[in-house]
Amino acid sequence: MLQLPANWQALWPFALGALIAYLIGSIPFGLLLTRAAGLGDIRRVGSGNIGATNVLRTGGKGLAAATLLLDGGKGTLAALLGFRYGGPDMAVIAAVMAVIGHVFPVWLRFNGGKGMATALGVLLGLSFPVGLAACATWLVTAAIFRYSSLATLVAIAMAPVYADFLASRQYAQAALFIALLVWLRHHQNIRRLLKREEPKIGARRSEGTPRSP
């Protein structure tokens, strides 16, 4: 459990840290990179998501990789800054707020990405073994079943379990909250998986064409 000070004067650094972490998480790298590359608004392409998977649908593999690394990196940065300036409790707050920032960015009217890359980033920042285990779970699941969304759902669902065994109950609670948020953001993918309509990795899909304005 978080051990926050009862004194409001001592509480403000945590509020400030939460705000900074949220703002870091809310940086829409997928949108910024595709615009800088002259590819227009990524929100009008494919699923309309600002994450690396949708950036890949523009045909820019390098841009997609950069988006993945930057979205994950901002989560790791937020968690590490939390450790540096506030200790484990602040790191947990920063980790959660970074994911919330990515999913609900103020710059995009609170309509952002699905949060997996940033979630993996904060897990790596909070506990490298936990983050590594979640990444490995994603890779194994994706290799076996060839569904990116399924790999995401399995990996993030296992993260609280890994955190409970490899880190602490506090980290497990944070990972559980993040997992629930990521699952909620993948509700459309879940429906398609249940209907066996979700495209596999490498498959073409009709929503990969640009949206009309």
N, C-alpha and C. Protein backbone atom coordinates (compact mmCIF):
# COMPACT_ATOMS: atom_id res chain seq x y z
N MET A 1 0.83 -1.20 0.00
CA MET A 1 0.00 0.00 0.00
C MET A 1 0.87 1.26 0.00
N LEU A 2 0.33 2.31 -0.63
CA LEU A 2 1.05 3.58 -0.63
C LEU A 2 1.05 4.19 0.77
N GLN A 3 2.20 4.73 1.15
CA GLN A 3 2.33 5.39 2.44
C GLN A 3 2.47 6.89 2.20
N LEU A 4 1.34 7.57 2.02
CA LEU A 4 1.36 9.01 1.76
C LEU A 4 1.27 9.78 3.06
N PRO A 5 1.96 10.90 3.14
CA PRO A 5 1.92 11.70 4.38
C PRO A 5 0.54 12.28 4.62
N ALA A 6 0.16 12.38 5.90
CA ALA A 6 -1.14 12.95 6.25
C ALA A 6 -1.11 14.47 6.18
N ASN A 7 0.06 15.05 6.33
CA ASN A 7 0.22 16.49 6.30
C ASN A 7 0.12 17.00 4.86
N TRP A 8 -0.81 17.92 4.60
CA TRP A 8 -1.01 18.41 3.25
C TRP A 8 0.23 19.12 2.71
N GLN A 9 0.98 19.76 3.58
CA GLN A 9 2.20 20.42 3.12
C GLN A 9 3.23 19.41 2.63
N ALA A 10 3.23 18.24 3.22
CA ALA A 10 4.15 17.19 2.78
C ALA A 10 3.60 16.41 1.59
N LEU A 11 2.31 16.60 1.31
CA LEU A 11 1.67 15.84 0.23
C LEU A 11 1.86 16.48 -1.14
N TRP A 12 2.11 17.79 -1.17
CA TRP A 12 2.18 18.48 -2.46
C TRP A 12 3.26 17.96 -3.39
N PRO A 13 4.44 17.50 -2.89
CA PRO A 13 5.42 16.95 -3.84
C PRO A 13 4.88 15.73 -4.60
N PHE A 14 4.04 14.92 -3.92
CA PHE A 14 3.46 13.77 -4.61
C PHE A 14 2.48 14.22 -5.69
N ALA A 15 1.70 15.27 -5.38
CA ALA A 15 0.77 15.81 -6.38
C ALA A 15 1.53 16.39 -7.57
N LEU A 16 2.62 17.10 -7.29
CA LEU A 16 3.43 17.66 -8.37
C LEU A 16 4.07 16.56 -9.19
N GLY A 17 4.59 15.54 -8.51
CA GLY A 17 5.20 14.42 -9.22
C GLY A 17 4.19 13.69 -10.10
N ALA A 18 2.96 13.53 -9.59
CA ALA A 18 1.91 12.88 -10.37
C ALA A 18 1.59 13.68 -11.63
N LEU A 19 1.54 15.00 -11.49
CA LEU A 19 1.25 15.86 -12.64
C LEU A 19 2.37 15.78 -13.67
N ILE A 20 3.61 15.83 -13.22
CA ILE A 20 4.74 15.75 -14.15
C ILE A 20 4.74 14.41 -14.88
N ALA A 21 4.49 13.32 -14.15
CA ALA A 21 4.45 12.00 -14.77
C ALA A 21 3.32 11.91 -15.79
N TYR A 22 2.17 12.48 -15.45
CA TYR A 22 1.05 12.50 -16.40
C TYR A 22 1.43 13.24 -17.68
N LEU A 23 2.07 14.39 -17.54
CA LEU A 23 2.45 15.17 -18.71
C LEU A 23 3.49 14.45 -19.56
N ILE A 24 4.42 13.76 -18.90
CA ILE A 24 5.40 12.95 -19.65
C ILE A 24 4.68 11.86 -20.42
N GLY A 25 3.78 11.16 -19.75
CA GLY A 25 3.05 10.08 -20.40
C GLY A 25 2.15 10.55 -21.52
N SER A 26 1.70 11.80 -21.46
CA SER A 26 0.74 12.29 -22.45
C SER A 26 1.38 12.76 -23.74
N ILE A 27 2.70 12.73 -23.84
CA ILE A 27 3.36 13.14 -25.09
C ILE A 27 3.00 12.15 -26.20
N PRO A 28 2.29 12.57 -27.24
CA PRO A 28 1.82 11.65 -28.30
C PRO A 28 2.89 11.43 -29.38
N PHE A 29 3.86 10.61 -29.06
CA PHE A 29 4.99 10.45 -29.98
C PHE A 29 4.56 9.92 -31.34
N GLY A 30 3.60 9.01 -31.38
CA GLY A 30 3.16 8.48 -32.66
C GLY A 30 2.62 9.56 -33.57
N LEU A 31 1.83 10.46 -33.01
CA LEU A 31 1.28 11.57 -33.77
C LEU A 31 2.37 12.54 -34.20
N LEU A 32 3.28 12.88 -33.27
CA LEU A 32 4.34 13.83 -33.59
C LEU A 32 5.28 13.30 -34.66
N LEU A 33 5.64 12.02 -34.57
CA LEU A 33 6.58 11.45 -35.53
C LEU A 33 5.98 11.34 -36.93
N THR A 34 4.74 10.91 -37.02
CA THR A 34 4.12 10.77 -38.34
C THR A 34 3.89 12.13 -38.99
N ARG A 35 3.56 13.12 -38.19
CA ARG A 35 3.41 14.46 -38.74
C ARG A 35 4.74 15.01 -39.21
N ALA A 36 5.79 14.78 -38.41
CA ALA A 36 7.11 15.26 -38.79
C ALA A 36 7.60 14.58 -40.07
N ALA A 37 7.16 13.35 -40.30
CA ALA A 37 7.56 12.61 -41.49
C ALA A 37 6.69 12.95 -42.70
N GLY A 38 5.73 13.85 -42.52
CA GLY A 38 4.88 14.25 -43.63
C GLY A 38 3.78 13.27 -43.95
N LEU A 39 3.42 12.41 -42.99
CA LEU A 39 2.40 11.39 -43.21
C LEU A 39 1.02 11.79 -42.71
N GLY A 40 0.90 13.02 -42.27
CA GLY A 40 -0.40 13.50 -41.83
C GLY A 40 -0.75 13.08 -40.42
N ASP A 41 -2.04 13.04 -40.15
CA ASP A 41 -2.57 12.75 -38.83
C ASP A 41 -2.79 11.25 -38.67
N ILE A 42 -2.04 10.60 -37.80
CA ILE A 42 -2.15 9.15 -37.61
C ILE A 42 -3.54 8.76 -37.14
N ARG A 43 -4.26 9.70 -36.56
CA ARG A 43 -5.61 9.40 -36.08
C ARG A 43 -6.60 9.19 -37.22
N ARG A 44 -6.19 9.50 -38.44
CA ARG A 44 -7.02 9.27 -39.62
C ARG A 44 -6.58 8.04 -40.41
N VAL A 45 -5.72 7.25 -39.81
CA VAL A 45 -5.21 6.05 -40.46
C VAL A 45 -5.61 4.83 -39.64
N GLY A 46 -6.01 3.77 -40.31
CA GLY A 46 -6.28 2.51 -39.65
C GLY A 46 -7.27 2.62 -38.51
N SER A 47 -6.84 2.19 -37.33
CA SER A 47 -7.70 2.20 -36.16
C SER A 47 -7.84 3.58 -35.55
N GLY A 48 -7.02 4.53 -36.01
CA GLY A 48 -7.05 5.87 -35.43
C GLY A 48 -6.24 5.99 -34.16
N ASN A 49 -5.58 4.91 -33.77
CA ASN A 49 -4.79 4.90 -32.54
C ASN A 49 -3.44 5.57 -32.78
N ILE A 50 -2.87 6.15 -31.71
CA ILE A 50 -1.59 6.86 -31.85
C ILE A 50 -0.40 5.97 -31.52
N GLY A 51 -0.63 4.69 -31.28
CA GLY A 51 0.44 3.79 -30.88
C GLY A 51 1.23 3.23 -32.04
N ALA A 52 2.25 2.44 -31.69
CA ALA A 52 3.19 1.93 -32.69
C ALA A 52 2.53 1.01 -33.70
N THR A 53 1.56 0.19 -33.26
CA THR A 53 0.90 -0.74 -34.19
C THR A 53 0.21 0.00 -35.31
N ASN A 54 -0.47 1.09 -34.98
CA ASN A 54 -1.15 1.85 -36.03
C ASN A 54 -0.16 2.65 -36.85
N VAL A 55 0.91 3.14 -36.25
CA VAL A 55 1.95 3.84 -37.02
C VAL A 55 2.53 2.91 -38.07
N LEU A 56 2.65 1.63 -37.74
CA LEU A 56 3.18 0.66 -38.69
C LEU A 56 2.31 0.57 -39.94
N ARG A 57 1.03 0.85 -39.81
CA ARG A 57 0.12 0.77 -40.95
C ARG A 57 0.38 1.87 -41.97
N THR A 58 1.16 2.87 -41.60
CA THR A 58 1.54 3.90 -42.57
C THR A 58 2.65 3.40 -43.48
N GLY A 59 3.21 2.24 -43.15
CA GLY A 59 4.32 1.70 -43.92
C GLY A 59 5.67 2.09 -43.39
N GLY A 60 5.67 2.89 -42.34
CA GLY A 60 6.93 3.36 -41.77
C GLY A 60 7.40 2.48 -40.63
N LYS A 61 8.17 1.45 -40.95
CA LYS A 61 8.63 0.54 -39.91
C LYS A 61 9.57 1.24 -38.92
N GLY A 62 10.40 2.13 -39.44
CA GLY A 62 11.30 2.88 -38.57
C GLY A 62 10.53 3.79 -37.62
N LEU A 63 9.48 4.44 -38.16
CA LEU A 63 8.65 5.31 -37.33
C LEU A 63 7.92 4.50 -36.26
N ALA A 64 7.45 3.31 -36.65
CA ALA A 64 6.75 2.46 -35.69
C ALA A 64 7.70 2.02 -34.57
N ALA A 65 8.92 1.65 -34.94
CA ALA A 65 9.90 1.25 -33.93
C ALA A 65 10.24 2.41 -33.02
N ALA A 66 10.40 3.60 -33.61
CA ALA A 66 10.70 4.78 -32.80
C ALA A 66 9.55 5.10 -31.86
N THR A 67 8.32 4.97 -32.34
CA THR A 67 7.15 5.21 -31.50
C THR A 67 7.11 4.24 -30.34
N LEU A 68 7.38 2.97 -30.63
CA LEU A 68 7.39 1.95 -29.58
C LEU A 68 8.42 2.27 -28.51
N LEU A 69 9.62 2.61 -28.95
CA LEU A 69 10.70 2.90 -28.00
C LEU A 69 10.41 4.17 -27.18
N LEU A 70 9.89 5.19 -27.83
CA LEU A 70 9.63 6.44 -27.13
C LEU A 70 8.43 6.31 -26.18
N ASP A 71 7.39 5.59 -26.62
CA ASP A 71 6.25 5.39 -25.73
C ASP A 71 6.64 4.56 -24.51
N GLY A 72 7.48 3.55 -24.73
CA GLY A 72 7.97 2.78 -23.59
C GLY A 72 8.95 3.58 -22.76
N GLY A 73 9.80 4.35 -23.44
CA GLY A 73 10.81 5.12 -22.73
C GLY A 73 10.23 6.18 -21.82
N LYS A 74 9.13 6.81 -22.24
CA LYS A 74 8.54 7.84 -21.38
C LYS A 74 7.98 7.23 -20.10
N GLY A 75 7.49 5.97 -20.19
CA GLY A 75 7.03 5.29 -18.99
C GLY A 75 8.16 4.96 -18.05
N THR A 76 9.25 4.47 -18.62
CA THR A 76 10.43 4.17 -17.81
C THR A 76 10.99 5.43 -17.17
N LEU A 77 11.05 6.51 -17.94
CA LEU A 77 11.56 7.78 -17.43
C LEU A 77 10.72 8.27 -16.25
N ALA A 78 9.40 8.21 -16.38
CA ALA A 78 8.53 8.68 -15.31
C ALA A 78 8.76 7.88 -14.03
N ALA A 79 8.87 6.56 -14.16
CA ALA A 79 9.09 5.72 -12.98
C ALA A 79 10.44 6.00 -12.34
N LEU A 80 11.48 6.15 -13.16
CA LEU A 80 12.82 6.40 -12.62
C LEU A 80 12.91 7.77 -11.96
N LEU A 81 12.25 8.76 -12.54
CA LEU A 81 12.23 10.07 -11.91
C LEU A 81 11.50 10.02 -10.57
N GLY A 82 10.44 9.20 -10.51
CA GLY A 82 9.74 9.01 -9.26
C GLY A 82 10.64 8.43 -8.19
N PHE A 83 11.41 7.42 -8.57
CA PHE A 83 12.40 6.83 -7.65
C PHE A 83 13.41 7.88 -7.19
N ARG A 84 13.90 8.63 -8.15
CA ARG A 84 14.99 9.57 -7.87
C ARG A 84 14.57 10.67 -6.90
N TYR A 85 13.36 11.16 -7.06
CA TYR A 85 12.96 12.34 -6.29
C TYR A 85 11.91 12.07 -5.22
N GLY A 86 11.42 10.84 -5.15
CA GLY A 86 10.39 10.58 -4.13
C GLY A 86 10.38 9.19 -3.54
N GLY A 87 11.25 8.31 -4.06
CA GLY A 87 11.29 6.96 -3.51
C GLY A 87 10.25 6.03 -4.14
N PRO A 88 10.11 4.82 -3.60
CA PRO A 88 9.22 3.81 -4.19
C PRO A 88 7.76 4.25 -4.30
N ASP A 89 7.24 4.95 -3.29
CA ASP A 89 5.85 5.38 -3.36
C ASP A 89 5.63 6.34 -4.51
N MET A 90 6.54 7.29 -4.68
CA MET A 90 6.42 8.24 -5.77
C MET A 90 6.61 7.54 -7.11
N ALA A 91 7.46 6.53 -7.16
CA ALA A 91 7.67 5.79 -8.40
C ALA A 91 6.39 5.09 -8.84
N VAL A 92 5.66 4.52 -7.87
CA VAL A 92 4.40 3.84 -8.19
C VAL A 92 3.38 4.85 -8.72
N ILE A 93 3.28 5.98 -8.05
CA ILE A 93 2.35 7.02 -8.50
C ILE A 93 2.72 7.50 -9.90
N ALA A 94 4.00 7.74 -10.11
CA ALA A 94 4.46 8.22 -11.42
C ALA A 94 4.20 7.18 -12.51
N ALA A 95 4.40 5.91 -12.20
CA ALA A 95 4.17 4.85 -13.17
C ALA A 95 2.71 4.81 -13.61
N VAL A 96 1.82 4.84 -12.65
CA VAL A 96 0.40 4.80 -12.96
C VAL A 96 -0.02 6.05 -13.74
N MET A 97 0.45 7.21 -13.31
CA MET A 97 0.06 8.45 -13.97
C MET A 97 0.62 8.56 -15.39
N ALA A 98 1.78 7.98 -15.64
CA ALA A 98 2.33 8.00 -17.00
C ALA A 98 1.45 7.21 -17.95
N VAL A 99 0.97 6.06 -17.50
CA VAL A 99 0.07 5.26 -18.34
C VAL A 99 -1.25 6.00 -18.54
N ILE A 100 -1.79 6.59 -17.48
CA ILE A 100 -3.01 7.37 -17.61
C ILE A 100 -2.80 8.53 -18.60
N GLY A 101 -1.63 9.16 -18.53
CA GLY A 101 -1.33 10.25 -19.45
C GLY A 101 -1.32 9.80 -20.90
N HIS A 102 -0.78 8.61 -21.16
CA HIS A 102 -0.75 8.10 -22.52
C HIS A 102 -2.16 7.77 -23.02
N VAL A 103 -2.95 7.17 -22.15
CA VAL A 103 -4.30 6.75 -22.54
C VAL A 103 -5.26 7.94 -22.63
N PHE A 104 -5.10 8.89 -21.72
CA PHE A 104 -5.99 10.06 -21.69
C PHE A 104 -5.17 11.36 -21.74
N PRO A 105 -4.51 11.64 -22.87
CA PRO A 105 -3.66 12.85 -22.95
C PRO A 105 -4.48 14.12 -23.07
N VAL A 106 -4.13 15.10 -22.30
CA VAL A 106 -4.86 16.36 -22.33
C VAL A 106 -4.75 17.03 -23.69
N TRP A 107 -3.63 16.82 -24.39
CA TRP A 107 -3.40 17.48 -25.68
C TRP A 107 -4.33 16.95 -26.76
N LEU A 108 -4.84 15.73 -26.61
CA LEU A 108 -5.67 15.10 -27.64
C LEU A 108 -7.10 14.89 -27.14
N ARG A 109 -7.55 15.80 -26.28
CA ARG A 109 -8.90 15.74 -25.73
C ARG A 109 -9.15 14.41 -25.01
N PHE A 110 -8.11 13.93 -24.35
CA PHE A 110 -8.17 12.74 -23.49
C PHE A 110 -8.48 11.46 -24.28
N ASN A 111 -8.14 11.47 -25.56
CA ASN A 111 -8.33 10.27 -26.38
C ASN A 111 -6.98 9.85 -26.94
N GLY A 112 -6.28 8.97 -26.23
CA GLY A 112 -4.92 8.60 -26.62
C GLY A 112 -4.81 7.15 -27.05
N GLY A 113 -3.67 6.54 -26.69
CA GLY A 113 -3.39 5.18 -27.12
C GLY A 113 -3.95 4.14 -26.17
N LYS A 114 -3.59 2.90 -26.42
CA LYS A 114 -4.10 1.79 -25.62
C LYS A 114 -3.20 1.45 -24.43
N GLY A 115 -1.99 1.99 -24.43
CA GLY A 115 -1.19 1.97 -23.22
C GLY A 115 -0.19 0.86 -23.03
N MET A 116 -0.10 -0.10 -23.95
CA MET A 116 0.75 -1.26 -23.66
C MET A 116 2.23 -0.92 -23.66
N ALA A 117 2.69 -0.17 -24.65
CA ALA A 117 4.12 0.16 -24.71
C ALA A 117 4.53 0.96 -23.48
N THR A 118 3.71 1.93 -23.10
CA THR A 118 4.01 2.73 -21.91
C THR A 118 3.93 1.87 -20.65
N ALA A 119 2.98 0.94 -20.62
CA ALA A 119 2.85 0.04 -19.47
C ALA A 119 4.10 -0.82 -19.32
N LEU A 120 4.60 -1.36 -20.42
CA LEU A 120 5.84 -2.15 -20.34
C LEU A 120 7.00 -1.27 -19.89
N GLY A 121 7.01 -0.04 -20.36
CA GLY A 121 8.07 0.88 -19.94
C GLY A 121 8.06 1.14 -18.46
N VAL A 122 6.88 1.38 -17.88
CA VAL A 122 6.84 1.65 -16.44
C VAL A 122 7.16 0.39 -15.64
N LEU A 123 6.78 -0.77 -16.15
CA LEU A 123 7.12 -2.02 -15.46
C LEU A 123 8.64 -2.22 -15.43
N LEU A 124 9.29 -1.92 -16.54
CA LEU A 124 10.75 -2.01 -16.58
C LEU A 124 11.38 -1.00 -15.63
N GLY A 125 10.76 0.19 -15.51
CA GLY A 125 11.30 1.20 -14.62
C GLY A 125 11.09 0.86 -13.16
N LEU A 126 9.95 0.27 -12.82
CA LEU A 126 9.67 -0.10 -11.44
C LEU A 126 10.50 -1.30 -10.99
N SER A 127 10.54 -2.32 -11.86
CA SER A 127 11.29 -3.54 -11.55
C SER A 127 11.69 -4.19 -12.86
N PHE A 128 12.98 -4.16 -13.16
CA PHE A 128 13.44 -4.69 -14.44
C PHE A 128 13.05 -6.16 -14.64
N PRO A 129 13.17 -7.03 -13.62
CA PRO A 129 12.76 -8.43 -13.83
C PRO A 129 11.28 -8.57 -14.18
N VAL A 130 10.43 -7.76 -13.57
CA VAL A 130 8.99 -7.81 -13.86
C VAL A 130 8.74 -7.36 -15.30
N GLY A 131 9.32 -6.25 -15.68
CA GLY A 131 9.16 -5.76 -17.04
C GLY A 131 9.70 -6.74 -18.07
N LEU A 132 10.85 -7.34 -17.76
CA LEU A 132 11.44 -8.31 -18.69
C LEU A 132 10.54 -9.54 -18.83
N ALA A 133 9.97 -10.00 -17.73
CA ALA A 133 9.07 -11.15 -17.77
C ALA A 133 7.82 -10.85 -18.60
N ALA A 134 7.29 -9.63 -18.46
CA ALA A 134 6.12 -9.24 -19.24
C ALA A 134 6.46 -9.15 -20.72
N CYS A 135 7.62 -8.59 -21.05
CA CYS A 135 8.06 -8.52 -22.45
C CYS A 135 8.23 -9.92 -23.04
N ALA A 136 8.83 -10.82 -22.28
CA ALA A 136 9.02 -12.19 -22.74
C ALA A 136 7.69 -12.88 -22.96
N THR A 137 6.74 -12.63 -22.08
CA THR A 137 5.40 -13.22 -22.23
C THR A 137 4.74 -12.72 -23.51
N TRP A 138 4.91 -11.44 -23.80
CA TRP A 138 4.35 -10.90 -25.05
C TRP A 138 4.97 -11.60 -26.25
N LEU A 139 6.28 -11.72 -26.24
CA LEU A 139 6.97 -12.32 -27.39
C LEU A 139 6.57 -13.78 -27.60
N VAL A 140 6.49 -14.54 -26.52
CA VAL A 140 6.13 -15.95 -26.63
C VAL A 140 4.70 -16.11 -27.11
N THR A 141 3.78 -15.34 -26.53
CA THR A 141 2.38 -15.43 -26.93
C THR A 141 2.18 -15.02 -28.37
N ALA A 142 2.86 -13.96 -28.78
CA ALA A 142 2.76 -13.50 -30.17
C ALA A 142 3.33 -14.52 -31.13
N ALA A 143 4.43 -15.16 -30.75
CA ALA A 143 5.05 -16.17 -31.62
C ALA A 143 4.16 -17.39 -31.79
N ILE A 144 3.45 -17.76 -30.75
CA ILE A 144 2.60 -18.96 -30.80
C ILE A 144 1.28 -18.70 -31.52
N PHE A 145 0.60 -17.61 -31.14
CA PHE A 145 -0.75 -17.38 -31.63
C PHE A 145 -0.83 -16.34 -32.75
N ARG A 146 0.19 -15.51 -32.94
CA ARG A 146 0.26 -14.54 -34.02
C ARG A 146 -0.78 -13.42 -33.90
N TYR A 147 -1.22 -13.15 -32.68
CA TYR A 147 -2.12 -12.03 -32.45
C TYR A 147 -1.42 -11.04 -31.52
N SER A 148 -1.20 -9.83 -32.01
CA SER A 148 -0.55 -8.82 -31.19
C SER A 148 -1.41 -8.45 -29.98
N SER A 149 -2.72 -8.29 -30.21
CA SER A 149 -3.62 -7.89 -29.13
C SER A 149 -3.70 -8.97 -28.06
N LEU A 150 -3.75 -10.23 -28.47
CA LEU A 150 -3.80 -11.32 -27.50
C LEU A 150 -2.52 -11.35 -26.68
N ALA A 151 -1.39 -11.16 -27.34
CA ALA A 151 -0.11 -11.13 -26.62
C ALA A 151 -0.10 -10.00 -25.60
N THR A 152 -0.65 -8.86 -25.98
CA THR A 152 -0.74 -7.72 -25.06
C THR A 152 -1.60 -8.06 -23.85
N LEU A 153 -2.76 -8.64 -24.09
CA LEU A 153 -3.69 -8.96 -23.00
C LEU A 153 -3.10 -9.99 -22.04
N VAL A 154 -2.43 -11.00 -22.59
CA VAL A 154 -1.84 -12.03 -21.74
C VAL A 154 -0.67 -11.45 -20.95
N ALA A 155 0.20 -10.70 -21.62
CA ALA A 155 1.39 -10.16 -20.95
C ALA A 155 1.03 -9.21 -19.82
N ILE A 156 0.08 -8.32 -20.07
CA ILE A 156 -0.27 -7.34 -19.04
C ILE A 156 -1.07 -7.99 -17.93
N ALA A 157 -1.81 -9.04 -18.24
CA ALA A 157 -2.55 -9.76 -17.20
C ALA A 157 -1.60 -10.51 -16.26
N MET A 158 -0.48 -10.97 -16.80
CA MET A 158 0.49 -11.69 -15.98
C MET A 158 1.38 -10.75 -15.18
N ALA A 159 1.42 -9.48 -15.56
CA ALA A 159 2.32 -8.53 -14.88
C ALA A 159 2.08 -8.44 -13.37
N PRO A 160 0.82 -8.37 -12.88
CA PRO A 160 0.64 -8.33 -11.42
C PRO A 160 1.16 -9.58 -10.72
N VAL A 161 1.04 -10.73 -11.39
CA VAL A 161 1.55 -11.98 -10.81
C VAL A 161 3.07 -11.94 -10.72
N TYR A 162 3.69 -11.51 -11.80
CA TYR A 162 5.15 -11.39 -11.79
C TYR A 162 5.61 -10.41 -10.71
N ALA A 163 4.89 -9.29 -10.61
CA ALA A 163 5.28 -8.27 -9.62
C ALA A 163 5.14 -8.80 -8.20
N ASP A 164 4.12 -9.60 -7.96
CA ASP A 164 3.91 -10.13 -6.61
C ASP A 164 5.03 -11.09 -6.22
N PHE A 165 5.54 -11.85 -7.19
CA PHE A 165 6.60 -12.82 -6.91
C PHE A 165 8.00 -12.20 -6.99
N LEU A 166 8.19 -11.29 -7.93
CA LEU A 166 9.53 -10.80 -8.21
C LEU A 166 9.83 -9.43 -7.59
N ALA A 167 8.79 -8.72 -7.17
CA ALA A 167 9.01 -7.36 -6.63
C ALA A 167 8.32 -7.21 -5.28
N SER A 168 7.14 -6.63 -5.25
CA SER A 168 6.44 -6.39 -3.99
C SER A 168 4.95 -6.34 -4.21
N ARG A 169 4.17 -6.43 -3.15
CA ARG A 169 2.72 -6.34 -3.25
C ARG A 169 2.30 -4.96 -3.76
N GLN A 170 3.04 -3.94 -3.35
CA GLN A 170 2.74 -2.57 -3.82
C GLN A 170 2.86 -2.48 -5.33
N TYR A 171 3.93 -3.03 -5.89
CA TYR A 171 4.11 -3.01 -7.33
C TYR A 171 3.05 -3.87 -8.02
N ALA A 172 2.66 -4.96 -7.38
CA ALA A 172 1.63 -5.82 -7.94
C ALA A 172 0.30 -5.08 -8.03
N GLN A 173 -0.01 -4.28 -7.02
CA GLN A 173 -1.24 -3.50 -7.04
C GLN A 173 -1.22 -2.46 -8.15
N ALA A 174 -0.08 -1.81 -8.32
CA ALA A 174 0.05 -0.85 -9.41
C ALA A 174 -0.08 -1.55 -10.77
N ALA A 175 0.55 -2.71 -10.89
CA ALA A 175 0.48 -3.47 -12.15
C ALA A 175 -0.95 -3.93 -12.43
N LEU A 176 -1.70 -4.26 -11.38
CA LEU A 176 -3.09 -4.68 -11.55
C LEU A 176 -3.94 -3.52 -12.08
N PHE A 177 -3.75 -2.34 -11.51
CA PHE A 177 -4.50 -1.18 -11.99
C PHE A 177 -4.16 -0.90 -13.45
N ILE A 178 -2.88 -0.95 -13.79
CA ILE A 178 -2.46 -0.70 -15.17
C ILE A 178 -3.04 -1.76 -16.10
N ALA A 179 -3.03 -3.02 -15.65
CA ALA A 179 -3.57 -4.11 -16.46
C ALA A 179 -5.06 -3.91 -16.75
N LEU A 180 -5.81 -3.50 -15.75
CA LEU A 180 -7.24 -3.25 -15.94
C LEU A 180 -7.47 -2.13 -16.95
N LEU A 181 -6.66 -1.09 -16.87
CA LEU A 181 -6.78 0.03 -17.80
C LEU A 181 -6.47 -0.40 -19.22
N VAL A 182 -5.40 -1.17 -19.39
CA VAL A 182 -5.03 -1.65 -20.73
C VAL A 182 -6.11 -2.58 -21.29
N TRP A 183 -6.65 -3.46 -20.46
CA TRP A 183 -7.72 -4.35 -20.92
C TRP A 183 -8.94 -3.55 -21.36
N LEU A 184 -9.31 -2.52 -20.60
CA LEU A 184 -10.45 -1.70 -20.97
C LEU A 184 -10.23 -1.01 -22.31
N ARG A 185 -9.00 -0.57 -22.55
CA ARG A 185 -8.70 0.10 -23.82
C ARG A 185 -8.67 -0.87 -25.00
N HIS A 186 -8.60 -2.15 -24.71
CA HIS A 186 -8.57 -3.17 -25.77
C HIS A 186 -9.93 -3.86 -25.93
N HIS A 187 -11.00 -3.21 -25.51
CA HIS A 187 -12.30 -3.87 -25.55
C HIS A 187 -12.72 -4.23 -26.97
N GLN A 188 -12.39 -3.41 -27.94
CA GLN A 188 -12.73 -3.74 -29.32
C GLN A 188 -11.92 -4.94 -29.81
N ASN A 189 -10.65 -4.99 -29.45
CA ASN A 189 -9.82 -6.15 -29.82
C ASN A 189 -10.35 -7.43 -29.19
N ILE A 190 -10.80 -7.33 -27.95
CA ILE A 190 -11.34 -8.51 -27.26
C ILE A 190 -12.57 -9.04 -27.99
N ARG A 191 -13.45 -8.13 -28.41
CA ARG A 191 -14.63 -8.56 -29.15
C ARG A 191 -14.25 -9.23 -30.46
N ARG A 192 -13.26 -8.65 -31.16
CA ARG A 192 -12.83 -9.27 -32.42
C ARG A 192 -12.17 -10.62 -32.20
N LEU A 193 -11.41 -10.75 -31.11
CA LEU A 193 -10.80 -12.04 -30.80
C LEU A 193 -11.87 -13.10 -30.54
N LEU A 194 -12.90 -12.73 -29.79
CA LEU A 194 -13.98 -13.68 -29.49
C LEU A 194 -14.74 -14.08 -30.74
N LYS A 195 -14.84 -13.14 -31.71
CA LYS A 195 -15.54 -13.43 -32.96
C LYS A 195 -14.60 -14.01 -34.03
N ARG A 196 -13.33 -14.17 -33.66
CA ARG A 196 -12.30 -14.66 -34.58
C ARG A 196 -12.17 -13.76 -35.80
N GLU A 197 -12.30 -12.46 -35.56
CA GLU A 197 -12.17 -11.47 -36.62
C GLU A 197 -10.91 -10.62 -36.47
N GLU A 198 -10.15 -10.85 -35.41
CA GLU A 198 -8.93 -10.07 -35.18
C GLU A 198 -7.85 -10.50 -36.16
N PRO A 199 -7.24 -9.55 -36.88
CA PRO A 199 -6.18 -9.92 -37.83
C PRO A 199 -4.92 -10.39 -37.12
N LYS A 200 -4.27 -11.34 -37.71
CA LYS A 200 -3.01 -11.84 -37.15
C LYS A 200 -1.86 -10.92 -37.54
N ILE A 201 -0.76 -11.09 -36.86
CA ILE A 201 0.42 -10.28 -37.14
C ILE A 201 0.88 -10.52 -38.58
N GLY A 202 1.05 -9.44 -39.31
CA GLY A 202 1.48 -9.53 -40.69
C GLY A 202 0.36 -9.61 -41.69
N ALA A 203 -0.89 -9.78 -41.21
CA ALA A 203 -2.03 -9.87 -42.12
C ALA A 203 -2.51 -8.49 -42.50
N ARG A 204 -3.02 -8.36 -43.71
CA ARG A 204 -3.60 -7.10 -44.14
C ARG A 204 -5.01 -6.98 -43.57
N ARG A 205 -5.43 -5.76 -43.34
CA ARG A 205 -6.79 -5.54 -42.84
C ARG A 205 -7.38 -4.31 -43.51
N SER A 206 -8.68 -4.32 -43.62
CA SER A 206 -9.35 -3.25 -44.34
C SER A 206 -9.20 -1.90 -43.66
N GLU A 207 -9.08 -1.91 -42.29
CA GLU A 207 -8.97 -0.65 -41.59
C GLU A 207 -7.58 -0.05 -41.70
N GLY A 208 -6.71 -0.70 -42.48
CA GLY A 208 -5.38 -0.15 -42.67
C GLY A 208 -5.34 1.00 -43.66
N THR A 209 -6.48 1.23 -44.38
CA THR A 209 -6.51 2.33 -45.31
C THR A 209 -6.82 3.63 -44.61
N PRO A 210 -6.34 4.73 -45.17
CA PRO A 210 -6.57 6.00 -44.49
C PRO A 210 -8.04 6.32 -44.34
N ARG A 211 -8.40 6.96 -43.24
CA ARG A 211 -9.76 7.41 -43.03
C ARG A 211 -10.00 8.69 -43.79
N SER A 212 -11.23 8.90 -44.15
CA SER A 212 -11.59 10.17 -44.78
C SER A 212 -11.71 11.23 -43.72
N PRO A 213 -11.45 12.48 -44.04
CA PRO A 213 -11.51 13.56 -43.05
C PRO A 213 -12.91 13.70 -42.47
